[in-house]
Amino acid sequence: MAIKLLVVDDHPVARMGVQHMTIGSDIQIVAQADNAESALHHVRSMELDLVLLDVRMPKSDGLRCLAEIRSIKPELPVLMFSAYANPTYVARAVALGAKGYMTKDASAEALLGAIHEVAAGGKVWSREDMRRVTGPIGEPDTNLDMEIPLTSREMEVLKQLAFGLTNKEIAQALGISYETVKEHVQHVLNKLSVADRTQAAVWAVRRGLA
């Protein structure tokens, strides 16, 4: 039986590339979308086995779209597909319930293998992917109701960090200096008792902040 696949990517060339890879396989691309709104329409109205979802898209990014898909059809597996091997994106994808994260430089064999694995109920996270979210901050039953004394500015920085922005991008978004952002990030990591910004992002996602 064919695997019914929805491909979501704002770049036509990327969608065409996936379509070309699936020629002659048992993977059937039943719909394509170039934005989150269109993707969610297909998720609501179609019978699908899997969603292949880009991360960076206009209006609403793929990770926010992933959260929406999970709320609409929790059982529908989603495989993230991105040009960016950003560890924060990967961590957010894990925390939001994606079944794997493939980069666009993956071979056709690797991508098709991942699609088959996820469609069959498996996951394709690497050991390195899972290492980033292990430990107390990565456990689903972590006490997320604990009060963390973050200032309003630190909370703003944490939210931006959780969206995968660099310190330079956070500085531009908030209209503050790069050095100030570095200082805020360090305070956030210390207050959350996490090792790096990736684990801070996971904490923020689990708290519903990003």
N, C-alpha and C. Protein backbone atom coordinates (compact mmCIF):
# COMPACT_ATOMS: atom_id res chain seq x y z
N MET A 1 0.85 -1.20 0.00
CA MET A 1 0.00 0.00 0.00
C MET A 1 0.88 1.25 0.00
N ALA A 2 0.51 2.21 -0.81
CA ALA A 2 1.31 3.42 -0.96
C ALA A 2 1.27 4.26 0.32
N ILE A 3 2.38 4.93 0.60
CA ILE A 3 2.47 5.87 1.71
C ILE A 3 1.99 7.22 1.21
N LYS A 4 0.91 7.73 1.79
CA LYS A 4 0.34 9.00 1.36
C LYS A 4 1.06 10.15 2.06
N LEU A 5 1.79 10.92 1.27
CA LEU A 5 2.69 11.94 1.81
C LEU A 5 2.25 13.35 1.44
N LEU A 6 2.28 14.24 2.43
CA LEU A 6 2.10 15.67 2.21
C LEU A 6 3.46 16.33 2.32
N VAL A 7 3.86 17.06 1.28
CA VAL A 7 5.15 17.76 1.28
C VAL A 7 4.89 19.25 1.47
N VAL A 8 5.50 19.81 2.52
CA VAL A 8 5.31 21.23 2.84
C VAL A 8 6.64 21.95 2.77
N ASP A 9 6.78 22.81 1.78
CA ASP A 9 8.03 23.56 1.60
C ASP A 9 7.73 24.77 0.73
N ASP A 10 8.27 25.93 1.09
CA ASP A 10 7.97 27.13 0.32
C ASP A 10 8.81 27.26 -0.93
N HIS A 11 9.77 26.36 -1.14
CA HIS A 11 10.60 26.40 -2.34
C HIS A 11 10.14 25.34 -3.35
N PRO A 12 9.67 25.76 -4.52
CA PRO A 12 9.20 24.81 -5.54
C PRO A 12 10.28 23.79 -5.92
N VAL A 13 11.53 24.23 -5.98
CA VAL A 13 12.61 23.32 -6.36
C VAL A 13 12.75 22.19 -5.35
N ALA A 14 12.59 22.51 -4.07
CA ALA A 14 12.68 21.48 -3.03
C ALA A 14 11.54 20.48 -3.17
N ARG A 15 10.34 20.98 -3.43
CA ARG A 15 9.19 20.08 -3.60
C ARG A 15 9.38 19.19 -4.83
N MET A 16 9.90 19.79 -5.90
CA MET A 16 10.15 19.00 -7.11
C MET A 16 11.21 17.95 -6.86
N GLY A 17 12.21 18.30 -6.06
CA GLY A 17 13.27 17.34 -5.75
C GLY A 17 12.74 16.14 -5.01
N VAL A 18 11.88 16.36 -4.02
CA VAL A 18 11.29 15.25 -3.28
C VAL A 18 10.42 14.41 -4.20
N GLN A 19 9.66 15.09 -5.05
CA GLN A 19 8.80 14.37 -5.99
C GLN A 19 9.62 13.48 -6.91
N HIS A 20 10.75 14.00 -7.37
CA HIS A 20 11.62 13.22 -8.25
C HIS A 20 12.18 12.00 -7.51
N MET A 21 12.55 12.20 -6.25
CA MET A 21 13.10 11.09 -5.45
C MET A 21 12.10 9.95 -5.28
N THR A 22 10.83 10.29 -5.23
CA THR A 22 9.81 9.27 -4.94
C THR A 22 9.32 8.52 -6.18
N ILE A 23 9.77 8.93 -7.36
CA ILE A 23 9.35 8.25 -8.59
C ILE A 23 9.76 6.77 -8.54
N GLY A 24 8.82 5.90 -8.80
CA GLY A 24 9.09 4.47 -8.81
C GLY A 24 9.06 3.81 -7.44
N SER A 25 8.76 4.61 -6.40
CA SER A 25 8.69 4.05 -5.05
C SER A 25 7.23 3.85 -4.65
N ASP A 26 7.02 3.37 -3.44
CA ASP A 26 5.65 3.20 -2.94
C ASP A 26 5.20 4.43 -2.16
N ILE A 27 5.90 5.54 -2.34
CA ILE A 27 5.55 6.80 -1.68
C ILE A 27 4.78 7.66 -2.67
N GLN A 28 3.57 8.02 -2.30
CA GLN A 28 2.71 8.81 -3.17
C GLN A 28 2.51 10.20 -2.59
N ILE A 29 2.98 11.22 -3.28
CA ILE A 29 2.76 12.59 -2.83
C ILE A 29 1.34 12.99 -3.22
N VAL A 30 0.46 13.01 -2.24
CA VAL A 30 -0.96 13.27 -2.51
C VAL A 30 -1.29 14.75 -2.44
N ALA A 31 -0.40 15.56 -1.85
CA ALA A 31 -0.63 16.99 -1.78
C ALA A 31 0.68 17.71 -1.48
N GLN A 32 0.72 18.98 -1.89
CA GLN A 32 1.88 19.83 -1.61
C GLN A 32 1.37 21.16 -1.07
N ALA A 33 2.19 21.81 -0.26
CA ALA A 33 1.82 23.11 0.28
C ALA A 33 3.07 23.97 0.40
N ASP A 34 2.90 25.27 0.22
CA ASP A 34 4.06 26.17 0.32
C ASP A 34 3.99 27.07 1.55
N ASN A 35 3.01 26.83 2.43
CA ASN A 35 2.90 27.60 3.66
C ASN A 35 2.12 26.80 4.70
N ALA A 36 2.16 27.25 5.93
CA ALA A 36 1.54 26.52 7.03
C ALA A 36 0.02 26.46 6.90
N GLU A 37 -0.57 27.56 6.49
CA GLU A 37 -2.03 27.61 6.37
C GLU A 37 -2.55 26.55 5.39
N SER A 38 -1.89 26.46 4.24
CA SER A 38 -2.28 25.46 3.25
C SER A 38 -2.02 24.05 3.77
N ALA A 39 -0.91 23.88 4.46
CA ALA A 39 -0.59 22.56 5.03
C ALA A 39 -1.65 22.11 6.01
N LEU A 40 -2.08 23.01 6.89
CA LEU A 40 -3.08 22.65 7.90
C LEU A 40 -4.42 22.33 7.25
N HIS A 41 -4.73 23.02 6.15
CA HIS A 41 -5.96 22.69 5.41
C HIS A 41 -5.91 21.25 4.91
N HIS A 42 -4.78 20.83 4.34
CA HIS A 42 -4.64 19.46 3.85
C HIS A 42 -4.70 18.45 5.01
N VAL A 43 -4.08 18.80 6.11
CA VAL A 43 -4.08 17.90 7.27
C VAL A 43 -5.51 17.67 7.75
N ARG A 44 -6.30 18.72 7.77
CA ARG A 44 -7.69 18.60 8.24
C ARG A 44 -8.58 17.84 7.27
N SER A 45 -8.31 17.98 5.97
CA SER A 45 -9.26 17.49 4.97
C SER A 45 -8.86 16.19 4.27
N MET A 46 -7.62 15.74 4.45
CA MET A 46 -7.15 14.58 3.70
C MET A 46 -6.73 13.44 4.61
N GLU A 47 -6.72 12.25 4.02
CA GLU A 47 -6.19 11.08 4.72
C GLU A 47 -4.71 10.98 4.36
N LEU A 48 -3.86 11.13 5.36
CA LEU A 48 -2.42 11.17 5.15
C LEU A 48 -1.73 10.14 6.04
N ASP A 49 -0.59 9.67 5.58
CA ASP A 49 0.24 8.77 6.38
C ASP A 49 1.42 9.50 7.02
N LEU A 50 1.81 10.62 6.41
CA LEU A 50 3.02 11.30 6.85
C LEU A 50 3.07 12.72 6.28
N VAL A 51 3.66 13.63 7.07
CA VAL A 51 3.91 14.99 6.59
C VAL A 51 5.42 15.22 6.59
N LEU A 52 5.95 15.67 5.45
CA LEU A 52 7.35 16.08 5.34
C LEU A 52 7.33 17.60 5.39
N LEU A 53 7.90 18.18 6.46
CA LEU A 53 7.67 19.58 6.78
C LEU A 53 8.95 20.39 6.88
N ASP A 54 9.02 21.46 6.08
CA ASP A 54 10.15 22.38 6.13
C ASP A 54 10.09 23.20 7.41
N VAL A 55 11.23 23.73 7.84
CA VAL A 55 11.27 24.53 9.07
C VAL A 55 11.03 26.01 8.78
N ARG A 56 11.83 26.59 7.91
CA ARG A 56 11.71 28.02 7.65
C ARG A 56 10.76 28.28 6.50
N MET A 57 9.62 28.90 6.83
CA MET A 57 8.63 29.27 5.83
C MET A 57 8.08 30.64 6.19
N PRO A 58 7.48 31.34 5.21
CA PRO A 58 6.93 32.66 5.51
C PRO A 58 5.70 32.57 6.40
N LYS A 59 5.39 33.66 7.08
CA LYS A 59 4.21 33.83 7.94
C LYS A 59 4.30 32.98 9.20
N SER A 60 4.23 31.66 9.07
CA SER A 60 4.33 30.78 10.23
C SER A 60 5.36 29.70 9.95
N ASP A 61 6.37 29.58 10.81
CA ASP A 61 7.44 28.63 10.52
C ASP A 61 6.97 27.19 10.73
N GLY A 62 7.78 26.26 10.24
CA GLY A 62 7.40 24.86 10.27
C GLY A 62 7.25 24.29 11.66
N LEU A 63 7.98 24.81 12.64
CA LEU A 63 7.89 24.29 13.99
C LEU A 63 6.56 24.68 14.64
N ARG A 64 6.11 25.89 14.36
CA ARG A 64 4.77 26.28 14.84
C ARG A 64 3.71 25.46 14.13
N CYS A 65 3.93 25.21 12.84
CA CYS A 65 3.01 24.37 12.08
C CYS A 65 2.98 22.95 12.65
N LEU A 66 4.15 22.44 13.05
CA LEU A 66 4.23 21.12 13.67
C LEU A 66 3.34 21.06 14.91
N ALA A 67 3.41 22.10 15.75
CA ALA A 67 2.59 22.13 16.96
C ALA A 67 1.11 22.11 16.61
N GLU A 68 0.73 22.82 15.55
CA GLU A 68 -0.68 22.84 15.12
C GLU A 68 -1.11 21.47 14.61
N ILE A 69 -0.26 20.84 13.82
CA ILE A 69 -0.58 19.51 13.30
C ILE A 69 -0.77 18.53 14.45
N ARG A 70 0.11 18.61 15.44
CA ARG A 70 0.02 17.71 16.59
C ARG A 70 -1.27 17.93 17.37
N SER A 71 -1.77 19.16 17.39
CA SER A 71 -3.02 19.44 18.10
C SER A 71 -4.24 18.98 17.31
N ILE A 72 -4.12 19.02 15.97
CA ILE A 72 -5.24 18.60 15.12
C ILE A 72 -5.30 17.08 14.99
N LYS A 73 -4.16 16.48 14.66
CA LYS A 73 -4.08 15.02 14.48
C LYS A 73 -2.82 14.51 15.19
N PRO A 74 -2.91 14.27 16.48
CA PRO A 74 -1.73 13.84 17.25
C PRO A 74 -1.08 12.57 16.72
N GLU A 75 -1.87 11.72 16.06
CA GLU A 75 -1.35 10.44 15.59
C GLU A 75 -0.64 10.55 14.24
N LEU A 76 -0.77 11.67 13.56
CA LEU A 76 -0.16 11.84 12.23
C LEU A 76 1.33 12.13 12.38
N PRO A 77 2.20 11.26 11.89
CA PRO A 77 3.65 11.48 12.05
C PRO A 77 4.16 12.61 11.16
N VAL A 78 5.11 13.36 11.69
CA VAL A 78 5.70 14.48 10.97
C VAL A 78 7.22 14.32 10.97
N LEU A 79 7.79 14.43 9.80
CA LEU A 79 9.25 14.37 9.62
C LEU A 79 9.71 15.75 9.16
N MET A 80 10.56 16.39 9.95
CA MET A 80 11.06 17.71 9.59
C MET A 80 12.13 17.58 8.52
N PHE A 81 12.15 18.58 7.61
CA PHE A 81 13.05 18.54 6.46
C PHE A 81 13.56 19.95 6.23
N SER A 82 14.85 20.18 6.55
CA SER A 82 15.34 21.56 6.55
C SER A 82 16.73 21.68 5.97
N ALA A 83 17.03 22.87 5.46
CA ALA A 83 18.38 23.16 4.99
C ALA A 83 19.30 23.51 6.15
N TYR A 84 18.72 23.69 7.34
CA TYR A 84 19.48 24.15 8.49
C TYR A 84 19.63 23.07 9.55
N ALA A 85 20.88 22.72 9.86
CA ALA A 85 21.15 21.74 10.91
C ALA A 85 21.31 22.48 12.24
N ASN A 86 20.36 23.34 12.53
CA ASN A 86 20.39 24.17 13.73
C ASN A 86 19.99 23.32 14.94
N PRO A 87 20.87 23.17 15.93
CA PRO A 87 20.55 22.30 17.07
C PRO A 87 19.31 22.74 17.84
N THR A 88 19.03 24.05 17.85
CA THR A 88 17.83 24.52 18.53
C THR A 88 16.58 24.10 17.77
N TYR A 89 16.62 24.15 16.45
CA TYR A 89 15.50 23.65 15.67
C TYR A 89 15.26 22.18 15.95
N VAL A 90 16.36 21.42 15.99
CA VAL A 90 16.25 19.99 16.24
C VAL A 90 15.64 19.74 17.62
N ALA A 91 16.12 20.46 18.61
CA ALA A 91 15.61 20.29 19.97
C ALA A 91 14.13 20.63 20.05
N ARG A 92 13.72 21.72 19.39
CA ARG A 92 12.30 22.08 19.40
C ARG A 92 11.48 21.03 18.70
N ALA A 93 12.01 20.48 17.61
CA ALA A 93 11.28 19.43 16.89
C ALA A 93 11.07 18.21 17.77
N VAL A 94 12.11 17.83 18.53
CA VAL A 94 11.98 16.71 19.47
C VAL A 94 10.90 17.02 20.49
N ALA A 95 11.00 18.20 21.09
CA ALA A 95 10.07 18.57 22.16
C ALA A 95 8.63 18.67 21.67
N LEU A 96 8.45 19.05 20.41
CA LEU A 96 7.10 19.22 19.87
C LEU A 96 6.52 17.93 19.28
N GLY A 97 7.30 16.86 19.29
CA GLY A 97 6.75 15.57 18.89
C GLY A 97 7.00 15.13 17.47
N ALA A 98 7.94 15.76 16.76
CA ALA A 98 8.29 15.28 15.42
C ALA A 98 8.94 13.89 15.54
N LYS A 99 8.90 13.14 14.46
CA LYS A 99 9.46 11.79 14.48
C LYS A 99 10.89 11.75 13.95
N GLY A 100 11.38 12.88 13.48
CA GLY A 100 12.75 12.92 12.98
C GLY A 100 13.03 14.26 12.33
N TYR A 101 14.31 14.47 11.99
CA TYR A 101 14.74 15.74 11.40
C TYR A 101 15.80 15.41 10.37
N MET A 102 15.48 15.64 9.10
CA MET A 102 16.40 15.38 8.01
C MET A 102 16.84 16.69 7.38
N THR A 103 18.11 16.80 7.03
CA THR A 103 18.58 17.99 6.34
C THR A 103 18.50 17.76 4.83
N LYS A 104 18.44 18.86 4.09
CA LYS A 104 18.19 18.77 2.65
C LYS A 104 19.41 18.31 1.85
N ASP A 105 20.52 18.12 2.53
CA ASP A 105 21.66 17.54 1.83
C ASP A 105 21.69 16.01 1.97
N ALA A 106 20.64 15.46 2.57
CA ALA A 106 20.56 14.00 2.71
C ALA A 106 20.40 13.35 1.34
N SER A 107 20.92 12.15 1.19
CA SER A 107 20.79 11.43 -0.07
C SER A 107 19.34 10.97 -0.25
N ALA A 108 18.99 10.66 -1.49
CA ALA A 108 17.64 10.15 -1.77
C ALA A 108 17.39 8.87 -0.98
N GLU A 109 18.40 8.03 -0.90
CA GLU A 109 18.26 6.78 -0.16
C GLU A 109 17.96 7.03 1.32
N ALA A 110 18.67 8.01 1.91
CA ALA A 110 18.47 8.32 3.32
C ALA A 110 17.09 8.91 3.56
N LEU A 111 16.65 9.82 2.70
CA LEU A 111 15.35 10.45 2.87
C LEU A 111 14.22 9.44 2.71
N LEU A 112 14.29 8.61 1.66
CA LEU A 112 13.25 7.61 1.44
C LEU A 112 13.23 6.60 2.58
N GLY A 113 14.41 6.25 3.08
CA GLY A 113 14.49 5.33 4.21
C GLY A 113 13.84 5.93 5.44
N ALA A 114 14.07 7.22 5.67
CA ALA A 114 13.47 7.90 6.82
C ALA A 114 11.95 7.96 6.69
N ILE A 115 11.47 8.25 5.49
CA ILE A 115 10.02 8.30 5.26
C ILE A 115 9.39 6.94 5.55
N HIS A 116 10.01 5.88 5.07
CA HIS A 116 9.48 4.53 5.32
C HIS A 116 9.50 4.20 6.82
N GLU A 117 10.58 4.55 7.48
CA GLU A 117 10.71 4.26 8.91
C GLU A 117 9.64 4.98 9.73
N VAL A 118 9.46 6.25 9.44
CA VAL A 118 8.48 7.03 10.19
C VAL A 118 7.06 6.60 9.86
N ALA A 119 6.78 6.34 8.59
CA ALA A 119 5.44 5.89 8.20
C ALA A 119 5.08 4.56 8.85
N ALA A 120 6.10 3.75 9.16
CA ALA A 120 5.87 2.45 9.78
C ALA A 120 5.76 2.55 11.31
N GLY A 121 5.82 3.77 11.82
CA GLY A 121 5.67 3.96 13.26
C GLY A 121 6.96 4.19 14.01
N GLY A 122 8.08 4.28 13.27
CA GLY A 122 9.37 4.47 13.93
C GLY A 122 9.78 5.93 14.03
N LYS A 123 11.00 6.13 14.49
CA LYS A 123 11.59 7.45 14.60
C LYS A 123 12.98 7.41 13.98
N VAL A 124 13.45 8.55 13.54
CA VAL A 124 14.78 8.58 12.90
C VAL A 124 15.70 9.61 13.55
N TRP A 125 15.54 9.80 14.85
CA TRP A 125 16.46 10.68 15.56
C TRP A 125 17.81 10.00 15.70
N SER A 126 18.86 10.77 15.51
CA SER A 126 20.20 10.24 15.72
C SER A 126 20.53 10.26 17.20
N ARG A 127 21.58 9.55 17.57
CA ARG A 127 22.02 9.55 18.96
C ARG A 127 22.39 10.96 19.41
N GLU A 128 23.00 11.71 18.49
CA GLU A 128 23.39 13.08 18.81
C GLU A 128 22.16 13.96 19.02
N ASP A 129 21.14 13.78 18.19
CA ASP A 129 19.90 14.55 18.36
C ASP A 129 19.33 14.33 19.76
N MET A 130 19.24 13.08 20.17
CA MET A 130 18.64 12.76 21.46
C MET A 130 19.53 13.17 22.62
N ARG A 131 20.84 13.16 22.40
CA ARG A 131 21.75 13.59 23.46
C ARG A 131 21.48 15.03 23.86
N ARG A 132 21.09 15.83 22.90
CA ARG A 132 20.87 17.24 23.16
C ARG A 132 19.70 17.49 24.11
N VAL A 133 18.78 16.55 24.18
CA VAL A 133 17.60 16.77 25.02
C VAL A 133 17.49 15.72 26.12
N THR A 134 18.58 15.05 26.46
CA THR A 134 18.56 14.11 27.57
C THR A 134 18.84 14.83 28.87
N GLY A 135 18.70 14.10 29.96
CA GLY A 135 18.90 14.72 31.26
C GLY A 135 17.61 15.31 31.78
N PRO A 136 17.63 15.90 32.96
CA PRO A 136 16.41 16.39 33.59
C PRO A 136 15.57 17.31 32.73
N ILE A 137 16.22 18.21 31.96
CA ILE A 137 15.45 19.18 31.20
C ILE A 137 14.74 18.54 30.03
N GLY A 138 15.19 17.36 29.59
CA GLY A 138 14.58 16.71 28.45
C GLY A 138 13.52 15.70 28.82
N GLU A 139 13.32 15.44 30.11
CA GLU A 139 12.35 14.44 30.51
C GLU A 139 10.94 15.01 30.48
N PRO A 140 9.98 14.26 29.92
CA PRO A 140 8.61 14.76 29.82
C PRO A 140 7.99 15.08 31.17
N ASP A 141 8.40 14.38 32.24
CA ASP A 141 7.77 14.60 33.53
C ASP A 141 8.52 15.61 34.40
N THR A 142 9.40 16.39 33.77
CA THR A 142 10.10 17.42 34.52
C THR A 142 9.09 18.36 35.17
N ASN A 143 9.39 18.82 36.38
CA ASN A 143 8.50 19.74 37.06
C ASN A 143 8.57 21.11 36.39
N LEU A 144 7.64 21.34 35.48
CA LEU A 144 7.67 22.58 34.71
C LEU A 144 6.93 23.71 35.42
N ASP A 145 6.33 23.41 36.57
CA ASP A 145 5.60 24.45 37.30
C ASP A 145 6.51 25.22 38.25
N MET A 146 7.77 24.80 38.33
CA MET A 146 8.70 25.47 39.21
C MET A 146 8.86 26.93 38.79
N GLU A 147 8.96 27.82 39.75
CA GLU A 147 9.10 29.24 39.46
C GLU A 147 10.55 29.56 39.14
N ILE A 148 10.78 30.18 38.00
CA ILE A 148 12.12 30.59 37.59
C ILE A 148 12.14 32.12 37.57
N PRO A 149 13.01 32.73 38.35
CA PRO A 149 13.01 34.20 38.48
C PRO A 149 13.65 34.90 37.28
N LEU A 150 13.05 34.77 36.10
CA LEU A 150 13.55 35.48 34.93
C LEU A 150 12.95 36.87 34.87
N THR A 151 13.75 37.84 34.51
CA THR A 151 13.22 39.18 34.31
C THR A 151 12.43 39.20 33.01
N SER A 152 11.67 40.27 32.79
CA SER A 152 10.88 40.36 31.56
C SER A 152 11.79 40.36 30.33
N ARG A 153 12.94 41.02 30.41
CA ARG A 153 13.87 41.04 29.28
C ARG A 153 14.49 39.67 29.05
N GLU A 154 14.84 38.97 30.13
CA GLU A 154 15.37 37.61 30.00
C GLU A 154 14.35 36.68 29.38
N MET A 155 13.08 36.88 29.73
CA MET A 155 12.02 36.06 29.14
C MET A 155 11.91 36.33 27.64
N GLU A 156 12.03 37.59 27.25
CA GLU A 156 11.99 37.93 25.83
C GLU A 156 13.15 37.28 25.08
N VAL A 157 14.33 37.33 25.68
CA VAL A 157 15.51 36.71 25.07
C VAL A 157 15.32 35.20 24.95
N LEU A 158 14.78 34.58 25.99
CA LEU A 158 14.54 33.13 25.97
C LEU A 158 13.59 32.75 24.84
N LYS A 159 12.53 33.52 24.66
CA LYS A 159 11.57 33.22 23.59
C LYS A 159 12.24 33.30 22.22
N GLN A 160 13.05 34.34 22.02
CA GLN A 160 13.74 34.48 20.74
C GLN A 160 14.76 33.36 20.54
N LEU A 161 15.44 33.02 21.60
CA LEU A 161 16.42 31.92 21.56
C LEU A 161 15.73 30.62 21.17
N ALA A 162 14.53 30.41 21.72
CA ALA A 162 13.80 29.17 21.45
C ALA A 162 13.34 29.07 20.01
N PHE A 163 13.25 30.20 19.33
CA PHE A 163 12.88 30.19 17.91
C PHE A 163 14.10 29.97 17.02
N GLY A 164 15.27 29.74 17.64
CA GLY A 164 16.46 29.42 16.88
C GLY A 164 17.28 30.62 16.44
N LEU A 165 16.97 31.81 16.96
CA LEU A 165 17.71 33.00 16.56
C LEU A 165 19.10 33.03 17.20
N THR A 166 20.05 33.56 16.47
CA THR A 166 21.40 33.77 16.99
C THR A 166 21.39 34.99 17.90
N ASN A 167 22.47 35.18 18.64
CA ASN A 167 22.57 36.36 19.50
C ASN A 167 22.46 37.65 18.69
N LYS A 168 23.07 37.67 17.52
CA LYS A 168 23.01 38.85 16.66
C LYS A 168 21.57 39.12 16.21
N GLU A 169 20.85 38.06 15.85
CA GLU A 169 19.46 38.22 15.41
C GLU A 169 18.56 38.66 16.56
N ILE A 170 18.84 38.13 17.77
CA ILE A 170 18.06 38.54 18.95
C ILE A 170 18.30 40.01 19.23
N ALA A 171 19.55 40.45 19.11
CA ALA A 171 19.88 41.86 19.35
C ALA A 171 19.11 42.75 18.38
N GLN A 172 19.04 42.35 17.12
CA GLN A 172 18.32 43.13 16.12
C GLN A 172 16.82 43.13 16.40
N ALA A 173 16.29 41.97 16.79
CA ALA A 173 14.85 41.85 17.04
C ALA A 173 14.41 42.67 18.24
N LEU A 174 15.26 42.73 19.27
CA LEU A 174 14.87 43.42 20.50
C LEU A 174 15.43 44.83 20.60
N GLY A 175 16.27 45.20 19.65
CA GLY A 175 16.82 46.55 19.65
C GLY A 175 17.80 46.80 20.77
N ILE A 176 18.59 45.78 21.11
CA ILE A 176 19.59 45.92 22.16
C ILE A 176 20.94 45.46 21.59
N SER A 177 22.00 45.68 22.34
CA SER A 177 23.33 45.37 21.82
C SER A 177 23.62 43.86 21.88
N TYR A 178 24.55 43.45 21.05
CA TYR A 178 24.98 42.06 21.01
C TYR A 178 25.53 41.63 22.36
N GLU A 179 26.34 42.48 22.98
CA GLU A 179 26.94 42.15 24.27
C GLU A 179 25.87 42.00 25.36
N THR A 180 24.84 42.83 25.28
CA THR A 180 23.75 42.72 26.26
C THR A 180 23.01 41.40 26.09
N VAL A 181 22.81 40.99 24.84
CA VAL A 181 22.15 39.71 24.59
C VAL A 181 22.98 38.57 25.17
N LYS A 182 24.29 38.59 24.94
CA LYS A 182 25.17 37.55 25.48
C LYS A 182 25.03 37.45 27.00
N GLU A 183 24.96 38.59 27.63
CA GLU A 183 24.83 38.63 29.09
C GLU A 183 23.49 38.04 29.53
N HIS A 184 22.42 38.42 28.83
CA HIS A 184 21.09 37.90 29.16
C HIS A 184 21.03 36.38 28.95
N VAL A 185 21.61 35.91 27.85
CA VAL A 185 21.60 34.47 27.57
C VAL A 185 22.30 33.70 28.68
N GLN A 186 23.43 34.21 29.13
CA GLN A 186 24.16 33.54 30.20
C GLN A 186 23.35 33.51 31.49
N HIS A 187 22.66 34.61 31.79
CA HIS A 187 21.80 34.65 32.98
C HIS A 187 20.68 33.62 32.86
N VAL A 188 20.08 33.52 31.68
CA VAL A 188 18.99 32.56 31.45
C VAL A 188 19.48 31.13 31.67
N LEU A 189 20.62 30.81 31.11
CA LEU A 189 21.16 29.45 31.26
C LEU A 189 21.44 29.14 32.73
N ASN A 190 21.99 30.10 33.43
CA ASN A 190 22.30 29.89 34.85
C ASN A 190 21.03 29.70 35.67
N LYS A 191 20.03 30.53 35.40
CA LYS A 191 18.79 30.45 36.18
C LYS A 191 18.00 29.18 35.90
N LEU A 192 18.08 28.69 34.66
CA LEU A 192 17.36 27.46 34.31
C LEU A 192 18.17 26.21 34.67
N SER A 193 19.43 26.41 35.02
CA SER A 193 20.34 25.30 35.34
C SER A 193 20.45 24.32 34.17
N VAL A 194 20.65 24.88 32.97
CA VAL A 194 20.83 24.06 31.78
C VAL A 194 22.21 24.30 31.20
N ALA A 195 22.66 23.34 30.40
CA ALA A 195 24.04 23.38 29.90
C ALA A 195 24.22 24.32 28.72
N ASP A 196 23.19 24.47 27.89
CA ASP A 196 23.35 25.28 26.69
C ASP A 196 22.02 25.83 26.23
N ARG A 197 22.05 26.64 25.17
CA ARG A 197 20.85 27.30 24.67
C ARG A 197 19.87 26.30 24.07
N THR A 198 20.36 25.17 23.60
CA THR A 198 19.48 24.14 23.06
C THR A 198 18.56 23.60 24.15
N GLN A 199 19.12 23.28 25.30
CA GLN A 199 18.30 22.79 26.41
C GLN A 199 17.39 23.89 26.95
N ALA A 200 17.83 25.13 26.89
CA ALA A 200 16.97 26.24 27.28
C ALA A 200 15.77 26.33 26.35
N ALA A 201 16.00 26.09 25.06
CA ALA A 201 14.91 26.11 24.09
C ALA A 201 13.90 25.01 24.38
N VAL A 202 14.40 23.82 24.73
CA VAL A 202 13.50 22.72 25.08
C VAL A 202 12.66 23.10 26.29
N TRP A 203 13.29 23.70 27.29
CA TRP A 203 12.56 24.14 28.49
C TRP A 203 11.45 25.11 28.10
N ALA A 204 11.77 26.06 27.23
CA ALA A 204 10.79 27.06 26.82
C ALA A 204 9.62 26.43 26.06
N VAL A 205 9.92 25.47 25.20
CA VAL A 205 8.87 24.78 24.45
C VAL A 205 7.97 24.01 25.38
N ARG A 206 8.55 23.30 26.33
CA ARG A 206 7.75 22.51 27.26
C ARG A 206 6.89 23.39 28.17
N ARG A 207 7.32 24.64 28.38
CA ARG A 207 6.52 25.58 29.16
C ARG A 207 5.50 26.31 28.31
N GLY A 208 5.50 26.04 27.00
CA GLY A 208 4.56 26.70 26.12
C GLY A 208 4.93 28.12 25.79
N LEU A 209 6.21 28.46 25.93
CA LEU A 209 6.66 29.82 25.68
C LEU A 209 7.06 30.06 24.24
N ALA A 210 7.25 28.97 23.48
CA ALA A 210 7.69 29.12 22.09
C ALA A 210 7.09 28.01 21.23
